[in-house]
Amino acid sequence: MCLDQPLNYTELTDQEVIARALEGREAAYRELIGRYERPVFSLIYRLVRDRERAEDLAQDTFIKVLNHLERYDPTYKFSSWIFKIAHNTALDHLRRKNPVTLSLDGSPHARTAAEVEATTLTPASGDENPEEYTASKELGAEIERAIGLLRPEYRTAIVLCHVEGRPYEEIAQIMDVPLGTVKTFIHRARKELMKELEHLRI
């Protein structure tokens, strides 16, 4: 393929886009950011519970990713690598600041519609009527509130598992913990969520 030939980066795999980014192609960098901007922000926001701080930390994450892209090992999923950097960036912030756990509505700043969409769980189907849609949105908000009360490591594990759909093995790589620890985190997180959401049972 001629290097000057226009590429449709959306049709390339992560590894193919990375190879072109390492050649210095700005379009490849933009494609990587576009693919992971939303899930990275979502993960970081759920950990730090502050919109502006999450935006800053997400930007820091992408700076680290792009500056050290040559260190990425293509035998692993790129998603695992970038989520691990995002997770560590957020945890480093939490360790420095040692903030109290905030509920979703405890954030001091209003969120934009795009940020709400990026971080809100909505168990909905396309066949819902307006009342069912409203109920689903309210349920999603309750679940988000409950997730916000979890310990950071439980939060990370439950979000990666149930929001991002990552397998346990990949979560273990991202969090840099044994597989058994991931299973423990998710089990305990589910137990705490069930207790916190018990009032929703009919």
C-alpha atoms as a PDB file:
ATOM      1  CA  MET A   1       0.000   0.000   0.000  1.00  0.00           C
ATOM      2  CA  CYS A   2       1.311   3.440  -0.898  1.00  0.00           C
ATOM      3  CA  LEU A   3       2.048   5.528   2.177  1.00  0.00           C
ATOM      4  CA  ASP A   4       0.350   8.541   0.575  1.00  0.00           C
ATOM      5  CA  GLN A   5      -2.882   6.668  -0.093  1.00  0.00           C
ATOM      6  CA  PRO A   6      -5.750   7.906   2.113  1.00  0.00           C
ATOM      7  CA  LEU A   7      -6.745   5.413   4.795  1.00  0.00           C
ATOM      8  CA  ASN A   8     -10.079   4.725   6.398  1.00  0.00           C
ATOM      9  CA  TYR A   9      -8.803   4.351   9.943  1.00  0.00           C
ATOM     10  CA  THR A  10     -12.180   3.240  11.265  1.00  0.00           C
ATOM     11  CA  GLU A  11     -11.755  -0.032   9.356  1.00  0.00           C
ATOM     12  CA  LEU A  12      -8.352  -0.784  10.907  1.00  0.00           C
ATOM     13  CA  THR A  13      -7.659  -2.789  14.046  1.00  0.00           C
ATOM     14  CA  ASP A  14      -6.124  -1.089  17.076  1.00  0.00           C
ATOM     15  CA  GLN A  15      -2.771  -2.669  16.263  1.00  0.00           C
ATOM     16  CA  GLU A  16      -2.907  -1.389  12.675  1.00  0.00           C
ATOM     17  CA  VAL A  17      -3.779   2.115  13.829  1.00  0.00           C
ATOM     18  CA  ILE A  18      -0.955   2.019  16.392  1.00  0.00           C
ATOM     19  CA  ALA A  19       1.544   0.973  13.724  1.00  0.00           C
ATOM     20  CA  ARG A  20       0.614   4.028  11.700  1.00  0.00           C
ATOM     21  CA  ALA A  21       0.671   6.276  14.744  1.00  0.00           C
ATOM     22  CA  LEU A  22       4.217   5.137  15.402  1.00  0.00           C
ATOM     23  CA  GLU A  23       5.021   6.304  11.874  1.00  0.00           C
ATOM     24  CA  GLY A  24       3.959   9.774  12.994  1.00  0.00           C
ATOM     25  CA  ARG A  25       0.548   9.936  11.353  1.00  0.00           C
ATOM     26  CA  GLU A  26      -1.634  12.407  13.241  1.00  0.00           C
ATOM     27  CA  ALA A  27      -4.835  10.855  11.879  1.00  0.00           C
ATOM     28  CA  ALA A  28      -3.896   7.596  13.600  1.00  0.00           C
ATOM     29  CA  TYR A  29      -3.430   9.389  16.928  1.00  0.00           C
ATOM     30  CA  ARG A  30      -6.824  11.036  16.526  1.00  0.00           C
ATOM     31  CA  GLU A  31      -8.417   7.677  15.727  1.00  0.00           C
ATOM     32  CA  LEU A  32      -7.048   6.097  18.916  1.00  0.00           C
ATOM     33  CA  ILE A  33      -8.310   8.988  21.014  1.00  0.00           C
ATOM     34  CA  GLY A  34     -11.709   8.833  19.324  1.00  0.00           C
ATOM     35  CA  ARG A  35     -12.043   5.125  20.017  1.00  0.00           C
ATOM     36  CA  TYR A  36     -11.200   5.303  23.703  1.00  0.00           C
ATOM     37  CA  GLU A  37     -12.031   8.841  24.830  1.00  0.00           C
ATOM     38  CA  ARG A  38     -15.499   7.961  26.095  1.00  0.00           C
ATOM     39  CA  PRO A  39     -14.724   4.676  27.933  1.00  0.00           C
ATOM     40  CA  VAL A  40     -11.554   6.146  29.495  1.00  0.00           C
ATOM     41  CA  PHE A  41     -13.456   9.182  30.767  1.00  0.00           C
ATOM     42  CA  SER A  42     -16.264   6.926  31.995  1.00  0.00           C
ATOM     43  CA  LEU A  43     -13.904   4.734  34.017  1.00  0.00           C
ATOM     44  CA  ILE A  44     -11.977   7.656  35.500  1.00  0.00           C
ATOM     45  CA  TYR A  45     -15.123   9.623  36.332  1.00  0.00           C
ATOM     46  CA  ARG A  46     -16.613   6.704  38.203  1.00  0.00           C
ATOM     47  CA  LEU A  47     -13.435   6.499  40.268  1.00  0.00           C
ATOM     48  CA  VAL A  48     -12.844  10.172  41.097  1.00  0.00           C
ATOM     49  CA  ARG A  49     -16.503  11.351  41.032  1.00  0.00           C
ATOM     50  CA  ASP A  50     -15.548  14.818  39.837  1.00  0.00           C
ATOM     51  CA  ARG A  51     -16.170  15.961  36.273  1.00  0.00           C
ATOM     52  CA  GLU A  52     -13.379  18.512  35.871  1.00  0.00           C
ATOM     53  CA  ARG A  53     -10.828  16.296  37.592  1.00  0.00           C
ATOM     54  CA  ALA A  54     -11.892  13.342  35.420  1.00  0.00           C
ATOM     55  CA  GLU A  55     -11.414  15.442  32.292  1.00  0.00           C
ATOM     56  CA  ASP A  56      -7.908  16.409  33.432  1.00  0.00           C
ATOM     57  CA  LEU A  57      -6.994  12.827  34.327  1.00  0.00           C
ATOM     58  CA  ALA A  58      -8.363  11.497  31.036  1.00  0.00           C
ATOM     59  CA  GLN A  59      -6.204  14.025  29.205  1.00  0.00           C
ATOM     60  CA  ASP A  60      -3.216  12.962  31.307  1.00  0.00           C
ATOM     61  CA  THR A  61      -3.958   9.355  30.395  1.00  0.00           C
ATOM     62  CA  PHE A  62      -3.907  10.041  26.660  1.00  0.00           C
ATOM     63  CA  ILE A  63      -0.716  12.084  26.970  1.00  0.00           C
ATOM     64  CA  LYS A  64       0.942   9.107  28.688  1.00  0.00           C
ATOM     65  CA  VAL A  65      -0.426   6.715  26.069  1.00  0.00           C
ATOM     66  CA  LEU A  66       0.722   8.764  23.091  1.00  0.00           C
ATOM     67  CA  ASN A  67       4.119   9.591  24.599  1.00  0.00           C
ATOM     68  CA  HIS A  68       4.863   5.949  25.407  1.00  0.00           C
ATOM     69  CA  LEU A  69       3.077   4.217  22.557  1.00  0.00           C
ATOM     70  CA  GLU A  70       6.270   2.445  21.551  1.00  0.00           C
ATOM     71  CA  ARG A  71       6.152   0.583  24.879  1.00  0.00           C
ATOM     72  CA  TYR A  72       2.846  -1.066  24.020  1.00  0.00           C
ATOM     73  CA  ASP A  73       3.176  -4.829  23.604  1.00  0.00           C
ATOM     74  CA  PRO A  74       0.927  -5.839  20.661  1.00  0.00           C
ATOM     75  CA  THR A  75       0.587  -9.371  22.041  1.00  0.00           C
ATOM     76  CA  TYR A  76      -1.862  -7.852  24.562  1.00  0.00           C
ATOM     77  CA  LYS A  77      -5.116  -6.052  23.889  1.00  0.00           C
ATOM     78  CA  PHE A  78      -4.624  -2.318  23.486  1.00  0.00           C
ATOM     79  CA  SER A  79      -7.780  -1.773  25.533  1.00  0.00           C
ATOM     80  CA  SER A  80      -6.137  -3.550  28.481  1.00  0.00           C
ATOM     81  CA  TRP A  81      -3.093  -1.303  28.230  1.00  0.00           C
ATOM     82  CA  ILE A  82      -4.967   1.988  27.981  1.00  0.00           C
ATOM     83  CA  PHE A  83      -7.459   1.055  30.729  1.00  0.00           C
ATOM     84  CA  LYS A  84      -4.562   0.093  32.980  1.00  0.00           C
ATOM     85  CA  ILE A  85      -2.959   3.503  32.447  1.00  0.00           C
ATOM     86  CA  ALA A  86      -6.306   5.219  33.097  1.00  0.00           C
ATOM     87  CA  HIS A  87      -6.905   3.142  36.219  1.00  0.00           C
ATOM     88  CA  ASN A  88      -3.437   3.868  37.627  1.00  0.00           C
ATOM     89  CA  THR A  89      -3.732   7.575  36.813  1.00  0.00           C
ATOM     90  CA  ALA A  90      -7.020   7.792  38.695  1.00  0.00           C
ATOM     91  CA  LEU A  91      -5.737   5.780  41.664  1.00  0.00           C
ATOM     92  CA  ASP A  92      -2.618   7.930  41.894  1.00  0.00           C
ATOM     93  CA  HIS A  93      -4.876  10.969  42.126  1.00  0.00           C
ATOM     94  CA  LEU A  94      -7.016   9.348  44.828  1.00  0.00           C
ATOM     95  CA  ARG A  95      -3.946   8.410  46.841  1.00  0.00           C
ATOM     96  CA  ARG A  96      -2.608  11.967  46.666  1.00  0.00           C
ATOM     97  CA  LYS A  97      -5.848  13.672  47.526  1.00  0.00           C
ATOM     98  CA  ASN A  98      -7.420  10.964  49.707  1.00  0.00           C
ATOM     99  CA  PRO A  99     -10.907  12.420  49.146  1.00  0.00           C
ATOM    100  CA  VAL A 100     -14.087  11.228  50.814  1.00  0.00           C
ATOM    101  CA  THR A 101     -16.317   9.059  48.666  1.00  0.00           C
ATOM    102  CA  LEU A 102     -18.895  11.156  46.851  1.00  0.00           C
ATOM    103  CA  SER A 103     -22.255   9.984  45.661  1.00  0.00           C
ATOM    104  CA  LEU A 104     -23.189  10.805  42.086  1.00  0.00           C
ATOM    105  CA  ASP A 105     -25.148  13.889  43.088  1.00  0.00           C
ATOM    106  CA  GLY A 106     -22.300  14.969  45.369  1.00  0.00           C
ATOM    107  CA  SER A 107     -20.215  16.219  42.482  1.00  0.00           C
ATOM    108  CA  PRO A 108     -19.766  19.990  42.793  1.00  0.00           C
ATOM    109  CA  HIS A 109     -20.091  20.593  39.053  1.00  0.00           C
ATOM    110  CA  ALA A 110     -22.968  20.050  36.652  1.00  0.00           C
ATOM    111  CA  ARG A 111     -22.229  17.606  33.869  1.00  0.00           C
ATOM    112  CA  THR A 112     -22.837  18.106  30.186  1.00  0.00           C
ATOM    113  CA  ALA A 113     -25.311  15.917  28.327  1.00  0.00           C
ATOM    114  CA  ALA A 114     -22.444  14.057  26.646  1.00  0.00           C
ATOM    115  CA  GLU A 115     -20.820  13.307  30.000  1.00  0.00           C
ATOM    116  CA  VAL A 116     -24.096  12.089  31.456  1.00  0.00           C
ATOM    117  CA  GLU A 117     -24.515   9.766  28.481  1.00  0.00           C
ATOM    118  CA  ALA A 118     -20.943   8.542  28.823  1.00  0.00           C
ATOM    119  CA  THR A 119     -21.304   7.609  32.475  1.00  0.00           C
ATOM    120  CA  THR A 120     -24.950   6.669  33.025  1.00  0.00           C
ATOM    121  CA  LEU A 121     -26.176   3.102  33.053  1.00  0.00           C
ATOM    122  CA  THR A 122     -29.529   2.791  31.301  1.00  0.00           C
ATOM    123  CA  PRO A 123     -31.021  -0.702  31.238  1.00  0.00           C
ATOM    124  CA  ALA A 124     -33.380   0.084  28.384  1.00  0.00           C
ATOM    125  CA  SER A 125     -34.705  -1.483  25.204  1.00  0.00           C
ATOM    126  CA  GLY A 126     -35.782   0.151  21.973  1.00  0.00           C
ATOM    127  CA  ASP A 127     -39.420  -0.881  22.520  1.00  0.00           C
ATOM    128  CA  GLU A 128     -39.973   1.147  25.686  1.00  0.00           C
ATOM    129  CA  ASN A 129     -42.779   3.636  26.000  1.00  0.00           C
ATOM    130  CA  PRO A 130     -42.048   7.018  27.701  1.00  0.00           C
ATOM    131  CA  GLU A 131     -42.997   5.753  31.165  1.00  0.00           C
ATOM    132  CA  GLU A 132     -40.781   2.681  30.843  1.00  0.00           C
ATOM    133  CA  TYR A 133     -37.928   4.839  29.516  1.00  0.00           C
ATOM    134  CA  THR A 134     -38.211   7.208  32.479  1.00  0.00           C
ATOM    135  CA  ALA A 135     -38.247   4.259  34.878  1.00  0.00           C
ATOM    136  CA  SER A 136     -35.144   2.833  33.214  1.00  0.00           C
ATOM    137  CA  LYS A 137     -33.332   6.159  33.485  1.00  0.00           C
ATOM    138  CA  GLU A 138     -34.236   6.401  37.159  1.00  0.00           C
ATOM    139  CA  LEU A 139     -33.026   2.841  37.737  1.00  0.00           C
ATOM    140  CA  GLY A 140     -29.787   3.666  35.939  1.00  0.00           C
ATOM    141  CA  ALA A 141     -29.289   6.693  38.192  1.00  0.00           C
ATOM    142  CA  GLU A 142     -29.875   4.559  41.284  1.00  0.00           C
ATOM    143  CA  ILE A 143     -27.332   2.013  40.094  1.00  0.00           C
ATOM    144  CA  GLU A 144     -24.822   4.796  39.419  1.00  0.00           C
ATOM    145  CA  ARG A 145     -25.390   6.202  42.898  1.00  0.00           C
ATOM    146  CA  ALA A 146     -24.776   2.771  44.404  1.00  0.00           C
ATOM    147  CA  ILE A 147     -21.611   2.272  42.333  1.00  0.00           C
ATOM    148  CA  GLY A 148     -20.352   5.618  43.625  1.00  0.00           C
ATOM    149  CA  LEU A 149     -20.488   4.274  47.179  1.00  0.00           C
ATOM    150  CA  LEU A 150     -18.212   1.325  46.443  1.00  0.00           C
ATOM    151  CA  ARG A 151     -14.510   1.238  47.295  1.00  0.00           C
ATOM    152  CA  PRO A 152     -12.414   2.335  44.269  1.00  0.00           C
ATOM    153  CA  GLU A 153     -11.149  -1.165  43.509  1.00  0.00           C
ATOM    154  CA  TYR A 154     -14.677  -2.587  43.627  1.00  0.00           C
ATOM    155  CA  ARG A 155     -15.867   0.268  41.435  1.00  0.00           C
ATOM    156  CA  THR A 156     -13.181  -0.402  38.838  1.00  0.00           C
ATOM    157  CA  ALA A 157     -13.862  -4.128  38.717  1.00  0.00           C
ATOM    158  CA  ILE A 158     -17.645  -3.770  38.451  1.00  0.00           C
ATOM    159  CA  VAL A 159     -17.451  -1.057  35.777  1.00  0.00           C
ATOM    160  CA  LEU A 160     -14.956  -2.986  33.662  1.00  0.00           C
ATOM    161  CA  CYS A 161     -17.041  -6.140  33.994  1.00  0.00           C
ATOM    162  CA  HIS A 162     -20.602  -4.879  33.587  1.00  0.00           C
ATOM    163  CA  VAL A 163     -20.202  -1.608  31.690  1.00  0.00           C
ATOM    164  CA  GLU A 164     -17.200  -2.303  29.455  1.00  0.00           C
ATOM    165  CA  GLY A 165     -17.876  -6.040  29.204  1.00  0.00           C
ATOM    166  CA  ARG A 166     -14.270  -7.032  29.897  1.00  0.00           C
ATOM    167  CA  PRO A 167     -13.536 -10.657  30.897  1.00  0.00           C
ATOM    168  CA  TYR A 168     -12.096 -11.379  34.327  1.00  0.00           C
ATOM    169  CA  GLU A 169      -8.676 -12.196  32.891  1.00  0.00           C
ATOM    170  CA  GLU A 170      -8.423  -8.800  31.204  1.00  0.00           C
ATOM    171  CA  ILE A 171      -9.638  -7.005  34.331  1.00  0.00           C
ATOM    172  CA  ALA A 172      -6.867  -8.736  36.269  1.00  0.00           C
ATOM    173  CA  GLN A 173      -4.326  -7.383  33.765  1.00  0.00           C
ATOM    174  CA  ILE A 174      -5.778  -3.876  33.935  1.00  0.00           C
ATOM    175  CA  MET A 175      -5.864  -3.783  37.736  1.00  0.00           C
ATOM    176  CA  ASP A 176      -2.582  -5.698  38.075  1.00  0.00           C
ATOM    177  CA  VAL A 177      -4.048  -8.148  40.594  1.00  0.00           C
ATOM    178  CA  PRO A 178      -4.509 -11.949  40.582  1.00  0.00           C
ATOM    179  CA  LEU A 179      -7.573 -13.387  38.864  1.00  0.00           C
ATOM    180  CA  GLY A 180      -8.923 -14.601  42.205  1.00  0.00           C
ATOM    181  CA  THR A 181      -8.755 -11.061  43.573  1.00  0.00           C
ATOM    182  CA  VAL A 182     -10.837  -9.772  40.661  1.00  0.00           C
ATOM    183  CA  LYS A 183     -13.465 -12.426  41.361  1.00  0.00           C
ATOM    184  CA  THR A 184     -13.481 -11.381  45.020  1.00  0.00           C
ATOM    185  CA  PHE A 185     -13.821  -7.689  44.131  1.00  0.00           C
ATOM    186  CA  ILE A 186     -16.758  -8.359  41.802  1.00  0.00           C
ATOM    187  CA  HIS A 187     -18.462 -10.730  44.243  1.00  0.00           C
ATOM    188  CA  ARG A 188     -18.202  -8.217  47.090  1.00  0.00           C
ATOM    189  CA  ALA A 189     -19.216  -5.330  44.838  1.00  0.00           C
ATOM    190  CA  ARG A 190     -22.332  -7.174  43.691  1.00  0.00           C
ATOM    191  CA  LYS A 191     -23.193  -7.996  47.287  1.00  0.00           C
ATOM    192  CA  GLU A 192     -22.859  -4.354  48.340  1.00  0.00           C
ATOM    193  CA  LEU A 193     -24.850  -3.171  45.333  1.00  0.00           C
ATOM    194  CA  MET A 194     -27.665  -5.608  46.076  1.00  0.00           C
ATOM    195  CA  LYS A 195     -27.812  -4.350  49.644  1.00  0.00           C
ATOM    196  CA  GLU A 196     -27.762  -0.700  48.558  1.00  0.00           C
ATOM    197  CA  LEU A 197     -30.454  -1.290  45.908  1.00  0.00           C
ATOM    198  CA  GLU A 198     -32.634  -3.496  48.107  1.00  0.00           C
ATOM    199  CA  HIS A 199     -35.242  -0.740  48.402  1.00  0.00           C
ATOM    200  CA  LEU A 200     -35.957  -1.099  44.653  1.00  0.00           C
ATOM    201  CA  ARG A 201     -37.192  -4.669  44.991  1.00  0.00           C
ATOM    202  CA  ILE A 202     -40.885  -5.157  44.522  1.00  0.00           C
END
